[in-house]
Amino acid sequence: MSASVEVLEGRKPSFRSAIRLPKLPVDPLGVLGLLIVIGAWWAITTLGLASPMFLPPPAGIIESIRDNFFASPYLDNYHLGGGLYSNIAYTFSNVMISLLVSCIVGVGLGLLSARLSLFRAMIDPVMLTAGTIPILVTAPFFLIWFGTSRVAQTALLIIYGVTILYVFAQRAGDNLDPTYPSAARMLGAPSGRILFDVFLLGTLPEVLGGVRIAMAGSWGLETFSELLGAPHGVGRVIQAMATGMDTQMMIATILALAAVAVACDLIVLVAFGYLTRWRRVARL
């Protein structure tokens, strides 16, 4: 379409408009980079350039995940029964619960502050102060106040997520073009319809960035809080494996959690893509 317009206007079609590459579901350069890293890892371990104690081979990592995923007598010795699956499920549930609460509270407060200047003046100093304090510094205080239970870990993640999502939601509300709600009012749309179809859906594309950042950081923060003391979880497994100098199982645990984190990020992308499908229609 753009190439036809350029021809009608007497301009020479650009290379980008003349040749349209098909949009692939997976970035081939990203896959290539991942294969290069795995190939270099395999070559280093095969040629004996690194001790298996410090860098186990990829095949050993795969075997550790396979043999210890659903049931693991080895992890039972560390009182971590249920295999990797049970411990990843513990970490996963904490991250998802905190992310859900953070989305409700953080996005709600951020959008409200974008609409009400008085509310924004009251809550901005609190949120900005919470955002300037390193979250890892506050982790020991939560463990002192709430102990090593799930409450401390989830509360820490909620504060982290609410702070990020508040900023993103507020910025999304500020950047929303005021002509959209004005046009909706002129067409006779009720206030509730304007709030949902214009204000909420219109800010979703920017809020998506905050959700992905909050979720990505929550995986590492949850694991760190489990390292400080938790009955289960990926961080507890890593701590036990570090004590036993089992590098292979430690890397296997980290990579298993990384696979879950990537899958969750893809699910969020698909879900937000469906919710913001109106953007594709608007570009036509």
Protein backbone atom coordinates (compact mmCIF):
# COMPACT_ATOMS: atom_id res chain seq x y z
CA MET A 1 0.00 0.00 0.00
CA SER A 2 2.77 2.45 0.92
CA ALA A 3 4.70 1.55 -2.21
CA SER A 4 1.62 2.33 -4.38
CA VAL A 5 1.25 5.70 -2.68
CA GLU A 6 4.88 6.53 -3.36
CA VAL A 7 4.46 5.63 -7.04
CA LEU A 8 1.34 7.82 -7.35
CA GLU A 9 3.18 10.72 -5.75
CA GLY A 10 6.08 10.35 -8.19
CA ARG A 11 8.55 9.11 -5.63
CA LYS A 12 10.77 6.08 -5.98
CA PRO A 13 9.58 3.28 -3.68
CA SER A 14 11.94 2.68 -0.80
CA PHE A 15 13.54 -0.71 -0.23
CA ARG A 16 11.54 -1.21 2.97
CA SER A 17 8.21 -0.51 1.29
CA ALA A 18 9.04 -2.47 -1.86
CA ILE A 19 10.08 -5.62 -0.03
CA ARG A 20 8.01 -6.62 2.98
CA LEU A 21 9.50 -9.43 4.98
CA PRO A 22 7.00 -11.77 6.63
CA LYS A 23 6.57 -11.23 10.35
CA LEU A 24 7.76 -14.35 12.13
CA PRO A 25 6.40 -15.45 15.53
CA VAL A 26 9.99 -15.94 16.78
CA ASP A 27 12.91 -13.59 16.26
CA PRO A 28 15.46 -15.59 14.20
CA LEU A 29 18.36 -13.46 15.44
CA GLY A 30 17.37 -14.19 19.03
CA VAL A 31 17.29 -17.91 18.29
CA LEU A 32 20.67 -17.63 16.57
CA GLY A 33 22.17 -15.85 19.57
CA LEU A 34 20.83 -18.52 21.91
CA LEU A 35 22.26 -21.29 19.73
CA ILE A 36 25.65 -19.56 19.69
CA VAL A 37 25.73 -19.38 23.50
CA ILE A 38 24.73 -23.06 23.82
CA GLY A 39 27.29 -24.05 21.20
CA ALA A 40 30.06 -22.14 22.98
CA TRP A 41 29.01 -23.71 26.29
CA TRP A 42 29.10 -27.20 24.74
CA ALA A 43 32.50 -26.57 23.12
CA ILE A 44 34.07 -25.31 26.36
CA THR A 45 32.87 -28.32 28.36
CA THR A 46 33.69 -30.85 25.61
CA LEU A 47 37.23 -29.56 25.08
CA GLY A 48 37.84 -29.59 28.82
CA LEU A 49 38.51 -25.85 29.03
CA ALA A 50 36.52 -25.63 32.25
CA SER A 51 36.13 -28.04 35.14
CA PRO A 52 32.71 -29.77 35.34
CA MET A 53 32.58 -28.64 38.95
CA PHE A 54 32.38 -25.00 37.81
CA LEU A 55 30.69 -25.41 34.41
CA PRO A 56 28.81 -28.68 33.86
CA PRO A 57 28.01 -29.77 30.28
CA PRO A 58 24.56 -28.99 28.81
CA ALA A 59 23.68 -32.70 28.69
CA GLY A 60 24.25 -32.99 32.45
CA ILE A 61 21.94 -30.03 33.09
CA ILE A 62 19.19 -31.63 31.02
CA GLU A 63 19.60 -34.91 32.90
CA SER A 64 19.40 -33.16 36.27
CA ILE A 65 16.15 -31.43 35.28
CA ARG A 66 14.68 -34.66 33.92
CA ASP A 67 15.65 -36.82 36.90
CA ASN A 68 14.65 -34.34 39.61
CA PHE A 69 11.67 -32.48 38.18
CA PHE A 70 8.60 -34.26 39.56
CA ALA A 71 10.21 -36.41 42.26
CA SER A 72 13.73 -36.30 43.66
CA PRO A 73 15.13 -38.48 46.44
CA TYR A 74 18.21 -36.27 46.17
CA LEU A 75 16.28 -33.13 47.09
CA ASP A 76 14.44 -35.07 49.79
CA ASN A 77 17.74 -35.30 51.63
CA TYR A 78 17.67 -31.50 51.91
CA HIS A 79 14.02 -31.54 53.09
CA LEU A 80 12.94 -30.17 49.72
CA GLY A 81 10.48 -32.86 48.74
CA GLY A 82 8.38 -32.77 45.61
CA GLY A 83 11.27 -32.25 43.22
CA LEU A 84 11.92 -29.12 41.20
CA TYR A 85 8.26 -28.92 40.23
CA SER A 86 7.07 -28.39 43.79
CA ASN A 87 9.68 -25.73 44.52
CA ILE A 88 9.12 -23.89 41.23
CA ALA A 89 5.36 -23.99 41.94
CA TYR A 90 6.03 -22.33 45.32
CA THR A 91 8.00 -19.51 43.68
CA PHE A 92 5.52 -19.24 40.81
CA SER A 93 2.51 -18.88 43.11
CA ASN A 94 4.19 -16.13 45.15
CA VAL A 95 5.11 -14.18 42.02
CA MET A 96 1.65 -14.51 40.44
CA ILE A 97 -0.23 -13.58 43.63
CA SER A 98 1.94 -10.51 44.18
CA LEU A 99 1.70 -9.52 40.50
CA LEU A 100 -2.10 -9.74 40.56
CA VAL A 101 -2.32 -7.57 43.68
CA SER A 102 0.26 -5.15 42.26
CA CYS A 103 -1.71 -4.77 39.02
CA ILE A 104 -4.94 -4.03 40.86
CA VAL A 105 -3.42 -1.59 43.35
CA GLY A 106 -0.61 -0.05 41.29
CA VAL A 107 -2.56 0.46 38.07
CA GLY A 108 -5.62 1.67 39.97
CA LEU A 109 -3.67 4.23 41.95
CA GLY A 110 -1.68 5.33 38.91
CA LEU A 111 -4.72 5.93 36.73
CA LEU A 112 -6.53 7.65 39.58
CA SER A 113 -3.60 9.99 40.16
CA ALA A 114 -3.57 10.82 36.45
CA ARG A 115 -7.21 11.93 36.69
CA LEU A 116 -7.26 13.66 40.10
CA SER A 117 -4.55 16.26 40.73
CA LEU A 118 -5.28 16.50 44.47
CA PHE A 119 -4.91 12.75 44.92
CA ARG A 120 -1.72 12.86 42.86
CA ALA A 121 -0.23 15.57 45.07
CA MET A 122 -0.91 13.44 48.14
CA ILE A 123 0.33 10.05 46.92
CA ASP A 124 3.23 11.02 44.62
CA PRO A 125 5.69 11.75 47.48
CA VAL A 126 4.94 8.37 49.07
CA MET A 127 5.39 6.43 45.82
CA LEU A 128 8.48 8.35 44.73
CA THR A 129 10.10 7.80 48.13
CA ALA A 130 9.32 4.08 48.00
CA GLY A 131 10.77 3.95 44.49
CA THR A 132 14.08 5.53 45.49
CA ILE A 133 14.78 3.01 48.28
CA PRO A 134 16.56 -0.09 46.91
CA ILE A 135 14.13 -2.96 47.32
CA LEU A 136 16.91 -5.36 48.35
CA VAL A 137 17.68 -3.11 51.31
CA THR A 138 14.13 -3.49 52.62
CA ALA A 139 14.13 -7.29 52.28
CA PRO A 140 15.82 -7.99 55.66
CA PHE A 141 13.28 -5.73 57.43
CA PHE A 142 10.38 -7.72 56.01
CA LEU A 143 11.98 -10.92 57.20
CA ILE A 144 12.33 -9.42 60.69
CA TRP A 145 8.76 -8.12 60.76
CA PHE A 146 6.96 -11.05 59.11
CA GLY A 147 9.44 -13.92 59.51
CA THR A 148 10.35 -16.36 56.75
CA SER A 149 6.78 -17.18 55.77
CA ARG A 150 5.10 -16.43 52.47
CA VAL A 151 3.70 -13.23 53.92
CA ALA A 152 7.11 -11.53 54.02
CA GLN A 153 8.05 -12.63 50.49
CA THR A 154 4.70 -11.68 48.96
CA ALA A 155 4.57 -8.31 50.74
CA LEU A 156 8.05 -7.47 49.45
CA LEU A 157 7.04 -8.29 45.88
CA ILE A 158 3.80 -6.31 46.17
CA ILE A 159 5.63 -3.14 47.24
CA TYR A 160 8.07 -3.59 44.37
CA GLY A 161 5.32 -4.22 41.80
CA VAL A 162 2.98 -1.46 43.01
CA THR A 163 5.75 1.14 42.78
CA ILE A 164 6.61 0.22 39.19
CA LEU A 165 3.04 -0.13 37.95
CA TYR A 166 1.99 3.11 39.60
CA VAL A 167 4.57 5.06 37.60
CA PHE A 168 3.73 3.32 34.31
CA ALA A 169 -0.04 3.67 34.77
CA GLN A 170 0.26 7.33 35.72
CA ARG A 171 2.39 8.05 32.68
CA ALA A 172 -0.04 6.14 30.46
CA GLY A 173 -2.94 8.20 31.80
CA ASP A 174 -1.04 11.45 31.20
CA ASN A 175 -0.14 10.43 27.63
CA LEU A 176 -3.67 9.48 26.65
CA ASP A 177 -4.91 11.93 24.01
CA PRO A 178 -7.82 13.94 25.54
CA THR A 179 -9.57 14.02 22.16
CA TYR A 180 -10.54 10.35 22.60
CA PRO A 181 -12.77 10.80 25.69
CA SER A 182 -14.08 14.06 24.22
CA ALA A 183 -15.10 12.29 21.03
CA ALA A 184 -16.73 9.53 23.05
CA ARG A 185 -18.81 12.08 24.98
CA MET A 186 -19.87 13.77 21.76
CA LEU A 187 -21.08 10.40 20.47
CA GLY A 188 -23.18 9.94 23.59
CA ALA A 189 -21.10 7.29 25.38
CA PRO A 190 -21.92 6.96 29.10
CA SER A 191 -19.27 7.60 31.75
CA GLY A 192 -18.79 3.91 32.53
CA ARG A 193 -18.22 3.10 28.88
CA ILE A 194 -15.71 5.94 28.54
CA LEU A 195 -13.85 4.74 31.63
CA PHE A 196 -13.51 1.17 30.36
CA ASP A 197 -13.33 1.46 26.55
CA VAL A 198 -11.34 4.69 26.33
CA PHE A 199 -9.40 5.26 29.52
CA LEU A 200 -8.58 1.70 30.64
CA LEU A 201 -8.09 0.10 27.22
CA GLY A 202 -6.31 3.18 25.88
CA THR A 203 -3.64 2.98 28.58
CA LEU A 204 -3.09 -0.79 28.34
CA PRO A 205 -0.26 -0.64 25.75
CA GLU A 206 1.92 1.43 28.10
CA VAL A 207 0.85 -0.48 31.19
CA LEU A 208 2.04 -3.68 29.48
CA GLY A 209 5.63 -2.47 29.71
CA GLY A 210 5.27 -1.96 33.45
CA VAL A 211 3.67 -5.38 33.95
CA ARG A 212 6.51 -7.13 32.11
CA ILE A 213 9.18 -5.22 34.04
CA ALA A 214 7.47 -5.91 37.36
CA MET A 215 7.09 -9.60 36.58
CA ALA A 216 10.69 -9.94 35.35
CA GLY A 217 12.04 -8.33 38.51
CA SER A 218 9.72 -10.31 40.76
CA TRP A 219 11.30 -13.64 39.76
CA GLY A 220 14.74 -12.52 40.91
CA LEU A 221 13.44 -10.73 44.00
CA GLU A 222 11.38 -13.73 45.08
CA THR A 223 14.39 -16.02 44.66
CA PHE A 224 16.54 -13.62 46.66
CA SER A 225 13.99 -13.47 49.49
CA GLU A 226 13.89 -17.29 49.54
CA LEU A 227 17.67 -17.33 49.85
CA LEU A 228 17.35 -15.35 53.08
CA GLY A 229 15.05 -17.98 54.55
CA ALA A 230 12.14 -19.98 53.17
CA PRO A 231 10.84 -23.54 53.68
CA HIS A 232 10.53 -24.14 49.93
CA GLY A 233 11.14 -22.41 46.62
CA VAL A 234 13.81 -22.04 43.98
CA GLY A 235 15.93 -19.83 46.22
CA ARG A 236 15.90 -22.48 48.94
CA VAL A 237 17.05 -25.11 46.42
CA ILE A 238 19.85 -22.85 45.17
CA GLN A 239 20.99 -22.22 48.74
CA ALA A 240 21.05 -25.96 49.49
CA MET A 241 22.93 -26.77 46.29
CA ALA A 242 25.46 -24.00 46.95
CA THR A 243 26.09 -25.46 50.41
CA GLY A 244 26.64 -28.90 48.86
CA MET A 245 28.79 -27.48 46.02
CA ASP A 246 26.46 -29.04 43.45
CA THR A 247 26.90 -26.62 40.55
CA GLN A 248 25.11 -28.83 38.05
CA MET A 249 21.89 -29.00 40.06
CA MET A 250 22.12 -25.30 40.86
CA ILE A 251 22.32 -24.33 37.19
CA ALA A 252 19.55 -26.81 36.35
CA THR A 253 17.27 -25.14 38.91
CA ILE A 254 18.02 -21.67 37.57
CA LEU A 255 17.40 -22.68 33.95
CA ALA A 256 14.15 -24.45 34.86
CA LEU A 257 12.90 -21.28 36.54
CA ALA A 258 14.09 -19.21 33.57
CA ALA A 259 12.03 -21.37 31.21
CA VAL A 260 8.93 -20.80 33.38
CA ALA A 261 9.60 -17.04 33.47
CA VAL A 262 9.94 -16.83 29.67
CA ALA A 263 6.73 -18.83 29.21
CA CYS A 264 4.86 -16.49 31.58
CA ASP A 265 6.16 -13.45 29.71
CA LEU A 266 4.92 -14.90 26.41
CA ILE A 267 1.50 -15.59 27.92
CA VAL A 268 1.28 -11.99 29.14
CA LEU A 269 2.22 -10.75 25.66
CA VAL A 270 -0.47 -12.87 24.02
CA ALA A 271 -3.10 -11.79 26.59
CA PHE A 272 -2.33 -8.10 26.19
CA GLY A 273 -2.21 -8.53 22.41
CA TYR A 274 -5.77 -9.84 22.54
CA LEU A 275 -6.95 -7.06 24.86
CA THR A 276 -5.38 -4.40 22.64
CA ARG A 277 -6.45 -5.95 19.31
CA TRP A 278 -8.17 -2.64 18.59
CA ARG A 279 -4.74 -1.22 17.75
CA ARG A 280 -4.48 -3.49 14.70
CA VAL A 281 -7.90 -2.37 13.51
CA ALA A 282 -6.97 1.30 14.04
CA ARG A 283 -3.88 0.93 11.82
CA LEU A 284 -5.86 -0.40 8.85
